[in-house]
Amino acid sequence: SITKERTEVILQGTASLDPNDPTAVWEEFEFKCKPGDLRRRPCLISPYHYRLDWLMWFAAFQTYEQNEWLIHLAGKLLAQEEETLSLLAMNPFAGRDPP
């Protein structure tokens, strides 16, 4: 069955030196098929799913402690690892210093 409401895990980064600064601008990492930007056309790749996007959906049902891979994913995004970034639709920090 599928739930009526969908909770999403959103990964964001900031270029601000102080992430606690209220003026810090947070930018979202965009996934290929995971819901995100409302102006983007929905992704249809039936009957298959992008595995990372699919795992992100199920990660939202639990805590990050139950999904340790999320911590590793965030670390790879912070390190701007090319293999990991290739799994995403858009890196908001492309061509800039990492978050």
Protein backbone atom coordinates (compact mmCIF):
# COMPACT_ATOMS: atom_id res chain seq x y z
CA SER A 1 0.00 0.00 0.00
CA ILE A 2 1.00 3.61 -0.41
CA THR A 3 0.53 6.27 2.25
CA LYS A 4 -1.83 9.20 1.73
CA GLU A 5 0.80 11.69 2.89
CA ARG A 6 4.42 11.65 1.85
CA THR A 7 7.14 12.84 4.21
CA GLU A 8 10.36 13.81 2.42
CA VAL A 9 14.01 13.87 3.46
CA ILE A 10 15.57 17.02 2.02
CA LEU A 11 19.33 17.44 1.82
CA GLN A 12 20.55 21.03 1.81
CA GLY A 13 23.85 22.83 2.11
CA THR A 14 24.96 26.39 2.71
CA ALA A 15 28.00 28.37 1.63
CA SER A 16 27.69 30.50 4.76
CA LEU A 17 30.63 30.35 7.15
CA ASP A 18 28.12 30.25 10.02
CA PRO A 19 25.26 27.83 9.25
CA ASN A 20 23.41 29.08 12.36
CA ASP A 21 23.31 32.63 10.99
CA PRO A 22 19.65 33.50 10.27
CA THR A 23 20.74 35.10 6.98
CA ALA A 24 22.45 31.89 5.77
CA VAL A 25 21.05 30.75 2.43
CA TRP A 26 20.34 27.02 2.28
CA GLU A 27 20.29 25.35 -1.14
CA GLU A 28 18.66 22.01 -1.90
CA PHE A 29 20.36 19.11 -3.66
CA GLU A 30 17.92 18.06 -6.40
CA PHE A 31 17.36 14.36 -7.07
CA LYS A 32 16.50 12.92 -10.48
CA CYS A 33 13.03 11.59 -9.66
CA LYS A 34 12.39 12.38 -6.01
CA PRO A 35 9.71 15.07 -5.51
CA GLY A 36 11.27 18.49 -5.10
CA ASP A 37 10.96 21.61 -7.22
CA LEU A 38 7.24 22.09 -7.92
CA ARG A 39 8.05 23.73 -11.29
CA ARG A 40 9.83 20.59 -12.50
CA ARG A 41 8.00 18.09 -14.66
CA PRO A 42 7.31 14.79 -12.81
CA CYS A 43 9.68 11.94 -13.58
CA LEU A 44 8.15 8.81 -15.12
CA ILE A 45 10.42 5.79 -15.57
CA SER A 46 7.95 2.96 -15.04
CA PRO A 47 8.25 0.18 -14.04
CA TYR A 48 11.62 0.95 -12.42
CA HIS A 49 12.84 3.61 -9.97
CA TYR A 50 16.12 5.38 -9.41
CA ARG A 51 17.42 3.44 -6.41
CA LEU A 52 18.69 6.43 -4.41
CA ASP A 53 15.44 8.33 -4.91
CA TRP A 54 13.49 5.23 -3.86
CA LEU A 55 15.63 4.77 -0.73
CA MET A 56 15.11 8.44 0.19
CA TRP A 57 11.34 7.84 0.21
CA PHE A 58 11.66 4.96 2.69
CA ALA A 59 14.24 6.80 4.80
CA ALA A 60 11.55 9.39 5.57
CA PHE A 61 9.59 6.73 7.47
CA GLN A 62 12.41 6.29 10.01
CA THR A 63 15.16 8.23 11.78
CA TYR A 64 18.62 8.85 10.38
CA GLU A 65 19.99 6.45 13.02
CA GLN A 66 18.00 3.69 11.31
CA ASN A 67 19.41 4.77 7.93
CA GLU A 68 23.12 5.27 8.52
CA TRP A 69 23.71 5.45 4.77
CA LEU A 70 22.17 8.97 4.89
CA ILE A 71 25.09 10.19 7.01
CA HIS A 72 27.54 8.70 4.49
CA LEU A 73 25.61 10.26 1.61
CA ALA A 74 25.74 13.69 3.28
CA GLY A 75 29.50 13.29 3.82
CA LYS A 76 30.04 12.44 0.16
CA LEU A 77 27.98 15.48 -0.87
CA LEU A 78 30.06 17.70 1.43
CA ALA A 79 33.22 16.28 -0.14
CA GLN A 80 31.74 16.91 -3.63
CA GLU A 81 32.45 13.29 -4.63
CA GLU A 82 31.81 13.06 -8.38
CA GLU A 83 30.41 9.50 -8.32
CA THR A 84 27.83 10.51 -5.73
CA LEU A 85 26.97 13.79 -7.45
CA SER A 86 26.29 11.86 -10.66
CA LEU A 87 23.30 10.27 -8.89
CA LEU A 88 21.68 13.69 -8.50
CA ALA A 89 19.84 15.87 -10.98
CA MET A 90 21.41 19.11 -9.76
CA ASN A 91 24.24 20.12 -7.46
CA PRO A 92 23.63 23.70 -6.25
CA PHE A 93 27.35 24.03 -5.50
CA ALA A 94 28.67 23.05 -8.94
CA GLY A 95 31.62 25.26 -9.83
CA ARG A 96 31.75 26.70 -6.32
CA ASP A 97 33.36 25.78 -3.02
CA PRO A 98 31.67 22.83 -1.33
CA PRO A 99 29.02 23.55 1.29
